[in-house]
N, C-alpha and C. Protein backbone atom coordinates (compact mmCIF):
# COMPACT_ATOMS: atom_id res chain seq x y z
N MET A 1 90.01 -93.36 137.91
CA MET A 1 88.89 -94.30 137.85
C MET A 1 88.04 -94.00 136.63
N LEU A 2 87.71 -95.02 135.85
CA LEU A 2 86.91 -94.86 134.65
C LEU A 2 85.45 -94.71 135.03
N LEU A 3 84.82 -93.69 134.51
CA LEU A 3 83.40 -93.42 134.77
C LEU A 3 82.59 -93.71 133.52
N GLN A 4 81.37 -94.18 133.73
CA GLN A 4 80.48 -94.50 132.62
C GLN A 4 79.12 -93.88 132.85
N ARG A 5 78.52 -93.42 131.76
CA ARG A 5 77.15 -92.93 131.78
C ARG A 5 76.41 -93.57 130.61
N GLN A 6 75.17 -93.94 130.84
CA GLN A 6 74.37 -94.58 129.79
C GLN A 6 72.97 -93.98 129.79
N TYR A 7 72.51 -93.62 128.59
CA TYR A 7 71.18 -93.04 128.41
C TYR A 7 70.44 -93.93 127.40
N SER A 8 69.46 -94.69 127.93
CA SER A 8 68.80 -95.71 127.12
C SER A 8 67.38 -95.29 126.78
N LEU A 9 67.04 -95.47 125.52
CA LEU A 9 65.69 -95.24 125.02
C LEU A 9 65.28 -96.41 124.14
N PRO A 10 64.01 -96.50 123.78
CA PRO A 10 63.56 -97.68 123.02
C PRO A 10 64.31 -97.93 121.72
N ASN A 11 64.77 -96.86 121.06
CA ASN A 11 65.37 -97.04 119.74
C ASN A 11 66.87 -96.75 119.69
N CYS A 12 67.45 -96.31 120.79
CA CYS A 12 68.89 -96.05 120.77
C CYS A 12 69.43 -96.01 122.20
N THR A 13 70.73 -96.20 122.30
CA THR A 13 71.44 -96.13 123.59
C THR A 13 72.70 -95.30 123.38
N LEU A 14 72.92 -94.35 124.27
CA LEU A 14 74.10 -93.49 124.20
C LEU A 14 74.95 -93.75 125.44
N ARG A 15 76.20 -94.17 125.22
CA ARG A 15 77.12 -94.46 126.32
C ARG A 15 78.29 -93.50 126.27
N ILE A 16 78.62 -92.97 127.43
CA ILE A 16 79.75 -92.05 127.56
C ILE A 16 80.72 -92.64 128.58
N GLU A 17 81.98 -92.73 128.21
CA GLU A 17 83.03 -93.17 129.12
C GLU A 17 84.08 -92.07 129.23
N GLY A 18 84.62 -91.95 130.44
CA GLY A 18 85.63 -90.92 130.62
C GLY A 18 86.17 -90.89 132.03
N LEU A 19 86.82 -89.80 132.34
CA LEU A 19 87.50 -89.63 133.63
C LEU A 19 87.06 -88.32 134.26
N SER A 20 87.40 -88.20 135.52
CA SER A 20 87.15 -86.95 136.24
C SER A 20 88.47 -86.22 136.43
N SER A 21 88.43 -84.92 136.28
CA SER A 21 89.64 -84.13 136.47
C SER A 21 90.04 -84.01 137.94
N GLN A 22 89.13 -84.37 138.84
CA GLN A 22 89.41 -84.32 140.27
C GLN A 22 89.45 -85.74 140.81
N VAL A 23 90.45 -86.03 141.61
CA VAL A 23 90.64 -87.38 142.15
C VAL A 23 89.47 -87.71 143.08
N GLY A 24 88.87 -88.87 142.84
CA GLY A 24 87.78 -89.33 143.70
C GLY A 24 86.44 -88.70 143.41
N ALA A 25 86.33 -87.80 142.46
CA ALA A 25 85.05 -87.16 142.15
C ALA A 25 84.25 -88.02 141.18
N GLU A 26 82.94 -87.88 141.23
CA GLU A 26 82.05 -88.64 140.35
C GLU A 26 81.64 -87.85 139.11
N GLN A 27 82.19 -86.68 138.93
CA GLN A 27 81.83 -85.84 137.78
C GLN A 27 82.69 -86.20 136.58
N LEU A 28 82.04 -86.62 135.51
CA LEU A 28 82.75 -87.02 134.29
C LEU A 28 82.91 -85.77 133.42
N ASP A 29 84.13 -85.32 133.29
CA ASP A 29 84.37 -84.14 132.46
C ASP A 29 85.48 -84.34 131.43
N ILE A 30 86.02 -85.56 131.32
CA ILE A 30 87.00 -85.88 130.29
C ILE A 30 86.48 -87.09 129.53
N VAL A 31 86.09 -86.90 128.27
CA VAL A 31 85.49 -87.96 127.47
C VAL A 31 86.57 -88.77 126.77
N THR A 32 86.51 -90.09 126.93
CA THR A 32 87.41 -90.98 126.20
C THR A 32 86.68 -91.80 125.13
N LEU A 33 85.36 -91.98 125.30
CA LEU A 33 84.60 -92.77 124.34
C LEU A 33 83.15 -92.31 124.35
N CYS A 34 82.60 -92.17 123.15
CA CYS A 34 81.16 -91.91 122.96
C CYS A 34 80.65 -92.99 122.00
N GLU A 35 79.75 -93.82 122.49
CA GLU A 35 79.23 -94.93 121.68
C GLU A 35 77.73 -94.76 121.51
N TRP A 36 77.29 -94.77 120.26
CA TRP A 36 75.88 -94.65 119.93
C TRP A 36 75.43 -95.95 119.29
N GLU A 37 74.51 -96.64 119.97
CA GLU A 37 73.98 -97.91 119.47
C GLU A 37 72.56 -97.70 118.97
N ILE A 38 72.31 -98.13 117.74
CA ILE A 38 70.99 -98.01 117.14
C ILE A 38 70.28 -99.35 117.32
N ILE A 39 69.22 -99.36 118.12
CA ILE A 39 68.48 -100.58 118.39
C ILE A 39 67.73 -101.00 117.12
N GLY A 40 67.81 -102.27 116.80
CA GLY A 40 67.13 -102.79 115.61
C GLY A 40 68.01 -102.86 114.39
N GLN A 41 69.15 -102.17 114.40
CA GLN A 41 70.08 -102.23 113.27
C GLN A 41 71.39 -102.93 113.62
N ASN A 42 71.55 -103.28 114.89
CA ASN A 42 72.79 -103.92 115.35
C ASN A 42 74.02 -103.13 114.89
N GLN A 43 73.93 -101.82 115.04
CA GLN A 43 74.99 -100.93 114.59
C GLN A 43 75.45 -100.07 115.76
N ARG A 44 76.76 -100.04 115.97
CA ARG A 44 77.35 -99.23 117.02
C ARG A 44 78.36 -98.28 116.39
N ILE A 45 78.18 -97.01 116.66
CA ILE A 45 79.05 -95.97 116.10
C ILE A 45 79.83 -95.36 117.25
N LYS A 46 81.16 -95.39 117.14
CA LYS A 46 82.01 -94.96 118.24
C LYS A 46 82.86 -93.77 117.82
N GLY A 47 83.11 -92.93 118.78
CA GLY A 47 83.97 -91.77 118.56
C GLY A 47 84.42 -91.20 119.88
N GLY A 48 85.09 -90.08 119.82
CA GLY A 48 85.57 -89.42 121.01
C GLY A 48 84.75 -88.18 121.32
N LYS A 49 85.39 -87.22 121.96
CA LYS A 49 84.69 -86.00 122.34
C LYS A 49 84.26 -85.20 121.10
N GLU A 50 85.07 -85.20 120.05
CA GLU A 50 84.69 -84.46 118.84
C GLU A 50 83.42 -85.03 118.22
N PHE A 51 83.28 -86.35 118.26
CA PHE A 51 82.07 -86.97 117.74
C PHE A 51 80.85 -86.58 118.57
N LEU A 52 81.01 -86.56 119.90
CA LEU A 52 79.91 -86.18 120.77
C LEU A 52 79.53 -84.71 120.56
N VAL A 53 80.51 -83.85 120.44
CA VAL A 53 80.23 -82.43 120.21
C VAL A 53 79.53 -82.24 118.86
N ALA A 54 79.94 -83.00 117.85
CA ALA A 54 79.30 -82.89 116.54
C ALA A 54 77.84 -83.34 116.60
N LEU A 55 77.56 -84.39 117.37
CA LEU A 55 76.16 -84.81 117.54
C LEU A 55 75.34 -83.73 118.22
N LEU A 56 75.90 -83.12 119.27
CA LEU A 56 75.18 -82.09 120.02
C LEU A 56 74.92 -80.85 119.17
N ASN A 57 75.85 -80.52 118.29
CA ASN A 57 75.73 -79.30 117.49
C ASN A 57 74.94 -79.49 116.20
N SER A 58 74.65 -80.73 115.82
CA SER A 58 74.02 -80.98 114.52
C SER A 58 72.61 -81.54 114.64
N VAL A 59 72.46 -82.63 115.38
CA VAL A 59 71.19 -83.36 115.37
C VAL A 59 70.06 -82.56 116.01
N PRO A 60 70.19 -82.04 117.24
CA PRO A 60 69.07 -81.29 117.81
C PRO A 60 68.71 -80.05 117.00
N ALA A 61 69.72 -79.35 116.47
CA ALA A 61 69.44 -78.14 115.69
C ALA A 61 68.66 -78.46 114.42
N ALA A 62 69.04 -79.55 113.72
CA ALA A 62 68.32 -79.94 112.51
C ALA A 62 66.89 -80.36 112.83
N ALA A 63 66.72 -81.14 113.90
CA ALA A 63 65.37 -81.57 114.28
C ALA A 63 64.51 -80.38 114.68
N GLN A 64 65.09 -79.42 115.39
CA GLN A 64 64.34 -78.24 115.80
C GLN A 64 63.91 -77.41 114.59
N THR A 65 64.76 -77.30 113.59
CA THR A 65 64.41 -76.54 112.38
C THR A 65 63.24 -77.19 111.65
N TRP A 66 63.26 -78.51 111.52
CA TRP A 66 62.17 -79.20 110.82
C TRP A 66 60.87 -79.10 111.59
N LEU A 67 60.92 -79.30 112.92
CA LEU A 67 59.70 -79.28 113.70
C LEU A 67 59.07 -77.89 113.73
N SER A 68 59.89 -76.85 113.70
CA SER A 68 59.36 -75.49 113.73
C SER A 68 58.77 -75.09 112.38
N GLY A 69 59.14 -75.78 111.32
CA GLY A 69 58.62 -75.44 110.00
C GLY A 69 59.28 -74.22 109.37
N VAL A 70 60.37 -73.74 109.95
CA VAL A 70 61.06 -72.57 109.42
C VAL A 70 61.93 -73.00 108.24
N LYS A 71 61.74 -72.38 107.10
CA LYS A 71 62.54 -72.68 105.92
C LYS A 71 63.71 -71.72 105.84
N LEU A 72 64.90 -72.30 105.62
CA LEU A 72 66.12 -71.50 105.55
C LEU A 72 66.49 -71.25 104.09
N ARG A 73 67.19 -70.15 103.87
CA ARG A 73 67.64 -69.83 102.51
C ARG A 73 68.66 -70.85 102.01
N ARG A 74 69.48 -71.33 102.91
CA ARG A 74 70.46 -72.36 102.54
C ARG A 74 70.66 -73.31 103.72
N SER A 75 71.06 -74.53 103.41
CA SER A 75 71.25 -75.53 104.46
C SER A 75 72.48 -75.18 105.30
N PRO A 76 72.35 -75.11 106.63
CA PRO A 76 73.50 -74.78 107.46
C PRO A 76 74.55 -75.88 107.41
N GLN A 77 75.80 -75.49 107.51
CA GLN A 77 76.91 -76.43 107.42
C GLN A 77 77.26 -76.96 108.82
N TYR A 78 76.48 -77.96 109.26
CA TYR A 78 76.76 -78.59 110.54
C TYR A 78 77.86 -79.63 110.36
N PRO A 79 78.57 -80.00 111.44
CA PRO A 79 79.59 -81.05 111.32
C PRO A 79 79.02 -82.36 110.78
N ILE A 80 77.80 -82.70 111.20
CA ILE A 80 77.11 -83.89 110.71
C ILE A 80 75.88 -83.42 109.95
N GLN A 81 75.77 -83.77 108.69
CA GLN A 81 74.65 -83.37 107.86
C GLN A 81 73.47 -84.32 108.08
N VAL A 82 72.30 -83.74 108.35
CA VAL A 82 71.08 -84.51 108.55
C VAL A 82 70.11 -84.11 107.45
N GLU A 83 69.73 -85.07 106.60
CA GLU A 83 68.89 -84.76 105.45
C GLU A 83 67.68 -85.70 105.42
N ILE A 84 66.55 -85.16 104.97
CA ILE A 84 65.34 -85.97 104.81
C ILE A 84 65.40 -86.69 103.48
N GLU A 85 65.19 -88.00 103.51
CA GLU A 85 65.22 -88.79 102.28
C GLU A 85 63.85 -89.30 101.89
N ALA A 86 62.98 -89.53 102.86
CA ALA A 86 61.63 -90.03 102.58
C ALA A 86 60.71 -89.51 103.67
N THR A 87 59.45 -89.94 103.57
CA THR A 87 58.47 -89.45 104.52
C THR A 87 58.84 -89.81 105.95
N ASN A 88 59.38 -90.99 106.15
CA ASN A 88 59.69 -91.46 107.50
C ASN A 88 61.14 -91.86 107.62
N GLN A 89 62.03 -91.23 106.88
CA GLN A 89 63.43 -91.63 106.92
C GLN A 89 64.33 -90.42 106.75
N VAL A 90 65.39 -90.39 107.55
CA VAL A 90 66.41 -89.34 107.45
C VAL A 90 67.77 -90.01 107.33
N CYS A 91 68.72 -89.26 106.83
CA CYS A 91 70.07 -89.78 106.63
C CYS A 91 71.07 -88.88 107.34
N LEU A 92 71.91 -89.47 108.15
CA LEU A 92 73.00 -88.76 108.81
C LEU A 92 74.30 -89.08 108.08
N ARG A 93 75.00 -88.04 107.68
CA ARG A 93 76.30 -88.21 107.02
C ARG A 93 77.38 -87.74 107.99
N ILE A 94 78.10 -88.72 108.54
CA ILE A 94 79.07 -88.46 109.59
C ILE A 94 80.48 -88.55 109.00
N PRO A 95 81.30 -87.53 109.11
CA PRO A 95 82.69 -87.63 108.63
C PRO A 95 83.44 -88.74 109.38
N ARG A 96 84.14 -89.56 108.63
CA ARG A 96 84.85 -90.68 109.24
C ARG A 96 85.97 -90.23 110.18
N LYS A 97 86.46 -89.02 110.01
CA LYS A 97 87.54 -88.55 110.87
C LYS A 97 87.08 -88.35 112.31
N LEU A 98 85.74 -88.30 112.52
CA LEU A 98 85.21 -88.15 113.87
C LEU A 98 85.03 -89.48 114.58
N LEU A 99 85.23 -90.60 113.87
CA LEU A 99 84.90 -91.91 114.40
C LEU A 99 86.13 -92.68 114.82
N GLN A 100 85.91 -93.61 115.73
CA GLN A 100 86.93 -94.57 116.14
C GLN A 100 86.56 -95.92 115.56
N ALA A 101 87.54 -96.65 115.06
CA ALA A 101 87.26 -97.94 114.43
C ALA A 101 88.40 -98.90 114.74
N SER A 102 88.15 -100.16 114.45
CA SER A 102 89.16 -101.20 114.64
C SER A 102 90.24 -101.06 113.56
N PRO A 103 91.40 -101.73 113.73
CA PRO A 103 92.45 -101.64 112.70
C PRO A 103 91.98 -102.03 111.31
N GLU A 104 91.10 -103.07 111.23
CA GLU A 104 90.61 -103.47 109.91
C GLU A 104 89.74 -102.37 109.30
N GLU A 105 88.88 -101.77 110.14
CA GLU A 105 88.03 -100.71 109.65
C GLU A 105 88.83 -99.46 109.32
N ASN A 106 89.90 -99.22 110.08
CA ASN A 106 90.75 -98.07 109.81
C ASN A 106 91.42 -98.18 108.45
N SER A 107 91.88 -99.40 108.11
CA SER A 107 92.51 -99.59 106.80
C SER A 107 91.51 -99.35 105.67
N ALA A 108 90.28 -99.82 105.87
CA ALA A 108 89.25 -99.57 104.85
C ALA A 108 88.90 -98.09 104.78
N ALA A 109 88.89 -97.43 105.94
CA ALA A 109 88.58 -95.99 105.94
C ALA A 109 89.68 -95.20 105.26
N ASN A 110 90.94 -95.64 105.42
CA ASN A 110 92.04 -94.93 104.76
C ASN A 110 91.93 -95.02 103.24
N ASN A 111 91.42 -96.18 102.77
CA ASN A 111 91.23 -96.32 101.33
C ASN A 111 90.10 -95.41 100.82
N ALA A 112 89.18 -95.08 101.73
CA ALA A 112 88.06 -94.21 101.35
C ALA A 112 88.20 -92.89 102.08
N ALA A 113 89.36 -92.30 102.00
CA ALA A 113 89.62 -91.05 102.71
C ALA A 113 88.71 -89.94 102.21
N GLY A 114 88.26 -89.13 103.15
CA GLY A 114 87.40 -88.02 102.80
C GLY A 114 85.94 -88.39 102.68
N GLU A 115 85.59 -89.68 102.78
CA GLU A 115 84.21 -90.09 102.67
C GLU A 115 83.52 -89.97 104.02
N THR A 116 82.22 -90.10 103.99
CA THR A 116 81.43 -90.02 105.20
C THR A 116 80.67 -91.32 105.43
N LEU A 117 80.33 -91.56 106.67
CA LEU A 117 79.51 -92.72 107.01
C LEU A 117 78.06 -92.31 106.97
N GLU A 118 77.26 -93.02 106.18
CA GLU A 118 75.84 -92.71 106.05
C GLU A 118 75.04 -93.63 106.95
N VAL A 119 74.23 -93.02 107.82
CA VAL A 119 73.39 -93.76 108.75
C VAL A 119 71.95 -93.34 108.50
N ARG A 120 71.09 -94.31 108.18
CA ARG A 120 69.68 -94.02 107.91
C ARG A 120 68.84 -94.37 109.12
N LEU A 121 67.98 -93.43 109.49
CA LEU A 121 67.15 -93.57 110.68
C LEU A 121 65.70 -93.25 110.32
N THR A 122 64.80 -93.81 111.12
CA THR A 122 63.41 -93.39 111.07
C THR A 122 63.25 -92.16 111.96
N TRP A 123 62.09 -91.52 111.84
CA TRP A 123 61.84 -90.34 112.67
C TRP A 123 61.84 -90.70 114.15
N LEU A 124 61.35 -91.90 114.51
CA LEU A 124 61.36 -92.31 115.91
C LEU A 124 62.78 -92.52 116.42
N GLN A 125 63.63 -93.10 115.60
CA GLN A 125 65.02 -93.29 116.00
C GLN A 125 65.74 -91.96 116.16
N LEU A 126 65.45 -91.02 115.26
CA LEU A 126 66.05 -89.69 115.39
C LEU A 126 65.54 -88.98 116.64
N ALA A 127 64.23 -89.11 116.92
CA ALA A 127 63.67 -88.47 118.12
C ALA A 127 64.29 -89.05 119.39
N ASP A 128 64.54 -90.36 119.41
CA ASP A 128 65.16 -90.96 120.59
C ASP A 128 66.61 -90.50 120.74
N LEU A 129 67.31 -90.30 119.63
CA LEU A 129 68.67 -89.78 119.71
C LEU A 129 68.67 -88.36 120.28
N VAL A 130 67.72 -87.54 119.85
CA VAL A 130 67.62 -86.18 120.39
C VAL A 130 67.31 -86.22 121.88
N GLU A 131 66.43 -87.15 122.30
CA GLU A 131 66.09 -87.27 123.71
C GLU A 131 67.29 -87.73 124.53
N ALA A 132 68.08 -88.65 124.00
CA ALA A 132 69.27 -89.10 124.71
C ALA A 132 70.27 -87.96 124.88
N LEU A 133 70.46 -87.17 123.86
CA LEU A 133 71.35 -86.01 123.96
C LEU A 133 70.82 -84.98 124.96
N ASP A 134 69.50 -84.84 125.00
CA ASP A 134 68.91 -83.91 125.96
C ASP A 134 69.12 -84.40 127.39
N GLN A 135 68.98 -85.71 127.63
CA GLN A 135 69.25 -86.26 128.95
C GLN A 135 70.71 -86.07 129.35
N LEU A 136 71.59 -86.20 128.38
CA LEU A 136 73.01 -85.97 128.66
C LEU A 136 73.25 -84.52 129.09
N CYS A 137 72.64 -83.57 128.39
CA CYS A 137 72.84 -82.16 128.73
C CYS A 137 72.21 -81.81 130.08
N SER A 138 71.17 -82.57 130.49
CA SER A 138 70.52 -82.31 131.77
C SER A 138 71.23 -82.96 132.93
N ASP A 139 72.19 -83.82 132.66
CA ASP A 139 72.93 -84.53 133.71
C ASP A 139 74.04 -83.62 134.24
N SER A 140 73.90 -83.19 135.46
CA SER A 140 74.89 -82.26 136.04
C SER A 140 76.21 -82.95 136.37
N GLN A 141 76.23 -84.27 136.39
CA GLN A 141 77.45 -85.00 136.71
C GLN A 141 78.23 -85.43 135.47
N THR A 142 77.74 -85.05 134.30
CA THR A 142 78.41 -85.42 133.06
C THR A 142 78.59 -84.19 132.19
N LEU A 143 79.84 -83.80 132.00
CA LEU A 143 80.18 -82.68 131.13
C LEU A 143 79.27 -81.47 131.39
N PRO A 144 79.33 -80.89 132.58
CA PRO A 144 78.42 -79.78 132.88
C PRO A 144 78.65 -78.54 132.02
N THR A 145 79.83 -78.41 131.45
CA THR A 145 80.11 -77.23 130.62
C THR A 145 79.83 -77.46 129.15
N LEU A 146 79.42 -78.67 128.79
CA LEU A 146 79.17 -78.99 127.39
C LEU A 146 77.68 -78.91 127.11
N ILE A 147 77.27 -77.95 126.29
CA ILE A 147 75.86 -77.76 125.96
C ILE A 147 75.75 -77.60 124.45
N PRO A 148 74.61 -77.94 123.87
CA PRO A 148 74.43 -77.74 122.42
C PRO A 148 74.40 -76.26 122.11
N THR A 149 74.95 -75.91 120.96
CA THR A 149 75.07 -74.50 120.59
C THR A 149 73.81 -74.06 119.85
N PHE A 150 72.70 -73.88 120.60
CA PHE A 150 71.49 -73.34 120.01
C PHE A 150 71.58 -71.82 120.00
N HIS A 151 71.14 -71.23 118.93
CA HIS A 151 71.10 -69.78 118.85
C HIS A 151 70.00 -69.39 117.87
N SER A 152 69.44 -68.22 118.09
CA SER A 152 68.39 -67.74 117.21
C SER A 152 68.96 -67.40 115.84
N LEU A 153 68.18 -67.71 114.81
CA LEU A 153 68.63 -67.47 113.45
C LEU A 153 68.43 -66.01 113.08
N PRO A 154 69.37 -65.41 112.35
CA PRO A 154 69.13 -64.05 111.87
C PRO A 154 68.01 -64.04 110.84
N ARG A 155 67.34 -62.92 110.73
CA ARG A 155 66.18 -62.84 109.84
C ARG A 155 66.57 -63.05 108.38
N ARG A 156 67.77 -62.64 108.02
CA ARG A 156 68.18 -62.79 106.62
C ARG A 156 68.41 -64.25 106.25
N ALA A 157 68.55 -65.14 107.26
CA ALA A 157 68.77 -66.56 106.97
C ALA A 157 67.47 -67.30 106.73
N ILE A 158 66.33 -66.67 107.06
CA ILE A 158 65.04 -67.34 106.93
C ILE A 158 64.43 -66.99 105.58
N ALA A 159 64.04 -68.00 104.85
CA ALA A 159 63.41 -67.78 103.55
C ALA A 159 62.01 -67.26 103.74
N PRO A 160 61.59 -66.25 102.96
CA PRO A 160 60.22 -65.73 103.12
C PRO A 160 59.19 -66.77 102.72
N ALA A 161 58.08 -66.79 103.46
CA ALA A 161 57.01 -67.74 103.15
C ALA A 161 56.31 -67.39 101.83
N VAL A 162 56.28 -66.09 101.49
CA VAL A 162 55.67 -65.63 100.23
C VAL A 162 56.77 -65.05 99.36
N PRO A 163 56.87 -65.42 98.09
CA PRO A 163 57.92 -64.87 97.22
C PRO A 163 57.85 -63.35 97.17
N LEU A 164 59.01 -62.75 96.90
CA LEU A 164 59.10 -61.30 96.86
C LEU A 164 58.18 -60.70 95.81
N ARG A 165 58.03 -61.39 94.67
CA ARG A 165 57.16 -60.86 93.61
C ARG A 165 55.73 -60.75 94.08
N LYS A 166 55.26 -61.77 94.83
CA LYS A 166 53.89 -61.73 95.33
C LYS A 166 53.75 -60.72 96.46
N GLN A 167 54.85 -60.49 97.20
CA GLN A 167 54.80 -59.50 98.26
C GLN A 167 54.65 -58.09 97.68
N LEU A 168 55.33 -57.82 96.55
CA LEU A 168 55.29 -56.49 95.96
C LEU A 168 54.03 -56.24 95.13
N MET A 169 53.33 -57.31 94.73
CA MET A 169 52.16 -57.12 93.88
C MET A 169 51.07 -56.31 94.57
N PRO A 170 50.65 -56.61 95.81
CA PRO A 170 49.63 -55.76 96.44
C PRO A 170 50.09 -54.32 96.60
N LEU A 171 51.39 -54.13 96.83
CA LEU A 171 51.90 -52.76 96.97
C LEU A 171 51.76 -52.00 95.65
N GLY A 172 52.04 -52.66 94.52
CA GLY A 172 51.90 -52.00 93.22
C GLY A 172 50.44 -51.70 92.90
N ILE A 173 49.56 -52.64 93.22
CA ILE A 173 48.14 -52.42 92.97
C ILE A 173 47.63 -51.27 93.82
N GLY A 174 48.06 -51.20 95.06
CA GLY A 174 47.64 -50.11 95.93
C GLY A 174 48.13 -48.76 95.43
N ALA A 175 49.38 -48.70 94.94
CA ALA A 175 49.90 -47.44 94.40
C ALA A 175 49.14 -47.01 93.15
N ALA A 176 48.82 -47.98 92.28
CA ALA A 176 48.07 -47.64 91.06
C ALA A 176 46.67 -47.15 91.41
N SER A 177 46.02 -47.78 92.36
CA SER A 177 44.68 -47.33 92.76
C SER A 177 44.73 -45.93 93.35
N LEU A 178 45.76 -45.67 94.13
CA LEU A 178 45.90 -44.34 94.72
C LEU A 178 46.10 -43.28 93.63
N ALA A 179 46.88 -43.60 92.60
CA ALA A 179 47.09 -42.64 91.51
C ALA A 179 45.80 -42.38 90.75
N VAL A 180 45.00 -43.43 90.49
CA VAL A 180 43.73 -43.24 89.78
C VAL A 180 42.78 -42.38 90.59
N MET A 181 42.67 -42.63 91.86
CA MET A 181 41.78 -41.85 92.70
C MET A 181 42.23 -40.39 92.78
N ALA A 182 43.55 -40.17 92.82
CA ALA A 182 44.06 -38.80 92.85
C ALA A 182 43.71 -38.07 91.56
N ALA A 183 43.78 -38.74 90.41
CA ALA A 183 43.43 -38.11 89.14
C ALA A 183 41.94 -37.78 89.08
N VAL A 184 41.11 -38.67 89.59
CA VAL A 184 39.66 -38.41 89.58
C VAL A 184 39.33 -37.21 90.44
N PHE A 185 39.89 -37.14 91.63
CA PHE A 185 39.61 -36.02 92.51
C PHE A 185 40.19 -34.71 91.98
N PHE A 186 41.24 -34.79 91.16
CA PHE A 186 41.83 -33.57 90.61
C PHE A 186 40.88 -32.89 89.63
N HIS A 187 40.12 -33.68 88.85
CA HIS A 187 39.21 -33.13 87.84
C HIS A 187 37.84 -32.78 88.41
N LEU A 188 37.54 -33.10 89.59
CA LEU A 188 36.26 -32.73 90.16
C LEU A 188 36.26 -31.25 90.52
N PRO A 189 35.14 -30.54 90.30
CA PRO A 189 35.10 -29.11 90.66
C PRO A 189 35.17 -28.92 92.17
N VAL A 190 35.76 -27.78 92.50
CA VAL A 190 35.87 -27.48 93.92
C VAL A 190 34.52 -27.01 94.42
N PRO A 191 33.97 -27.58 95.41
CA PRO A 191 32.66 -27.15 95.89
C PRO A 191 32.70 -25.73 96.45
N GLU A 192 31.63 -24.93 96.14
CA GLU A 192 31.54 -23.56 96.62
C GLU A 192 31.10 -23.55 98.08
N ARG A 193 31.66 -22.59 98.73
CA ARG A 193 31.30 -22.46 100.14
C ARG A 193 30.16 -21.45 100.27
N ARG A 194 29.09 -21.85 100.81
CA ARG A 194 27.93 -20.98 100.98
C ARG A 194 27.86 -20.51 102.44
N PRO A 195 27.51 -19.19 102.58
CA PRO A 195 27.38 -18.70 103.96
C PRO A 195 26.21 -19.38 104.64
N PRO A 196 26.29 -19.56 105.86
CA PRO A 196 25.18 -20.23 106.58
C PRO A 196 23.94 -19.37 106.57
N ARG A 197 22.83 -19.96 106.32
CA ARG A 197 21.55 -19.24 106.31
C ARG A 197 21.09 -18.97 107.73
N GLU A 198 20.57 -17.70 107.85
CA GLU A 198 20.06 -17.34 109.17
C GLU A 198 18.65 -17.90 109.32
N GLU A 199 18.45 -18.56 110.35
CA GLU A 199 17.15 -19.16 110.58
C GLU A 199 16.17 -18.11 111.08
N ALA A 200 14.99 -18.05 110.47
CA ALA A 200 13.95 -17.09 110.88
C ALA A 200 13.45 -17.44 112.26
N LEU A 201 13.43 -16.39 113.10
CA LEU A 201 12.96 -16.63 114.46
C LEU A 201 11.44 -16.68 114.47
N PRO A 202 10.85 -17.49 115.23
CA PRO A 202 9.38 -17.56 115.30
C PRO A 202 8.83 -16.28 115.88
N PRO A 203 7.69 -15.78 115.38
CA PRO A 203 7.11 -14.51 115.89
C PRO A 203 6.77 -14.62 117.36
N THR A 204 7.03 -13.47 118.05
CA THR A 204 6.75 -13.44 119.48
C THR A 204 5.29 -13.09 119.68
N PRO A 205 4.58 -13.87 120.36
CA PRO A 205 3.14 -13.55 120.55
C PRO A 205 2.99 -12.28 121.36
N GLU A 206 2.11 -11.32 120.84
CA GLU A 206 1.86 -10.06 121.53
C GLU A 206 0.78 -10.25 122.59
N ALA A 207 0.93 -9.44 123.61
CA ALA A 207 -0.05 -9.53 124.69
C ALA A 207 -1.38 -8.92 124.24
N VAL A 208 -2.41 -9.59 124.42
CA VAL A 208 -3.76 -9.15 124.02
C VAL A 208 -4.45 -8.53 125.23
N THR A 209 -4.89 -7.22 125.03
CA THR A 209 -5.56 -6.53 126.12
C THR A 209 -7.03 -6.88 126.08
N PRO A 210 -7.56 -7.36 127.14
CA PRO A 210 -8.98 -7.75 127.10
C PRO A 210 -9.87 -6.52 126.94
N SER A 211 -10.85 -6.59 126.05
CA SER A 211 -11.77 -5.47 125.80
C SER A 211 -12.83 -5.41 126.90
N ALA A 212 -13.27 -4.17 127.14
CA ALA A 212 -14.27 -4.00 128.22
C ALA A 212 -15.62 -4.53 127.77
N VAL A 213 -16.23 -5.26 128.64
CA VAL A 213 -17.55 -5.82 128.33
C VAL A 213 -18.61 -4.77 128.60
N PRO A 214 -19.47 -4.36 127.61
CA PRO A 214 -20.50 -3.32 127.86
C PRO A 214 -21.55 -3.80 128.82
N THR A 215 -21.88 -2.90 129.69
CA THR A 215 -22.90 -3.25 130.70
C THR A 215 -24.24 -2.64 130.32
N THR A 216 -25.31 -3.36 130.46
CA THR A 216 -26.69 -2.85 130.14
C THR A 216 -27.27 -2.23 131.37
N PRO A 217 -27.73 -0.93 131.22
CA PRO A 217 -28.30 -0.27 132.41
C PRO A 217 -29.59 -0.93 132.83
N GLN A 218 -29.77 -1.04 134.11
CA GLN A 218 -30.98 -1.66 134.63
C GLN A 218 -32.17 -0.69 134.54
N THR A 219 -33.31 -1.21 134.13
CA THR A 219 -34.54 -0.41 134.03
C THR A 219 -35.23 -0.42 135.38
N PRO A 220 -35.59 0.80 135.86
CA PRO A 220 -36.24 0.84 137.18
C PRO A 220 -37.64 0.26 137.08
N ASN A 221 -37.98 -0.41 138.17
CA ASN A 221 -39.30 -1.01 138.23
C ASN A 221 -40.33 0.10 138.52
N PRO A 222 -41.50 0.03 137.94
CA PRO A 222 -42.54 1.05 138.22
C PRO A 222 -43.14 0.83 139.60
């Protein structure tokens, strides 16, 4: 039994057709057709499982790199190249070998062997394509083992935000300042160590003996 899945958004529609490896099951795990329709351009791009896998491995990863603002040393070689052409426009270059076409289109593609199909999208159309692919990956009844190959980038693949020359400049200035300060301190005389002065103790008050008061003898009355 042929199974169909459709993920519709304002700017694109993603349709998946296929079969189930288990008789009578509703789980689509064998892809026979992947059709991507771009709303507003009257353009439908068709392919098989390889085309779907290429979309999953290329488009979300490129969009994630741009949104994060991480600059790479070199552009990664995804199956489908996604490049920025203008402020609000991107270009997808899809190898024709991943696509399915009619006999007339196949003959034209054979004449242009090795070429790619260029598809221009706005940022909104690209965002809707990423959302459709995300809905596909979240659908447990459609290709549960097929997920986009996201992985953390190694540090050597990320271009430094500050050029190496500017990174080393503060280090050189700091080393030069340290050398100058060391030379200044080298020529300063070594301070002499003085023994601590003994503090004079305050005099202890001596006990004062009270002097005897002289008594005047009384004169007898006559």
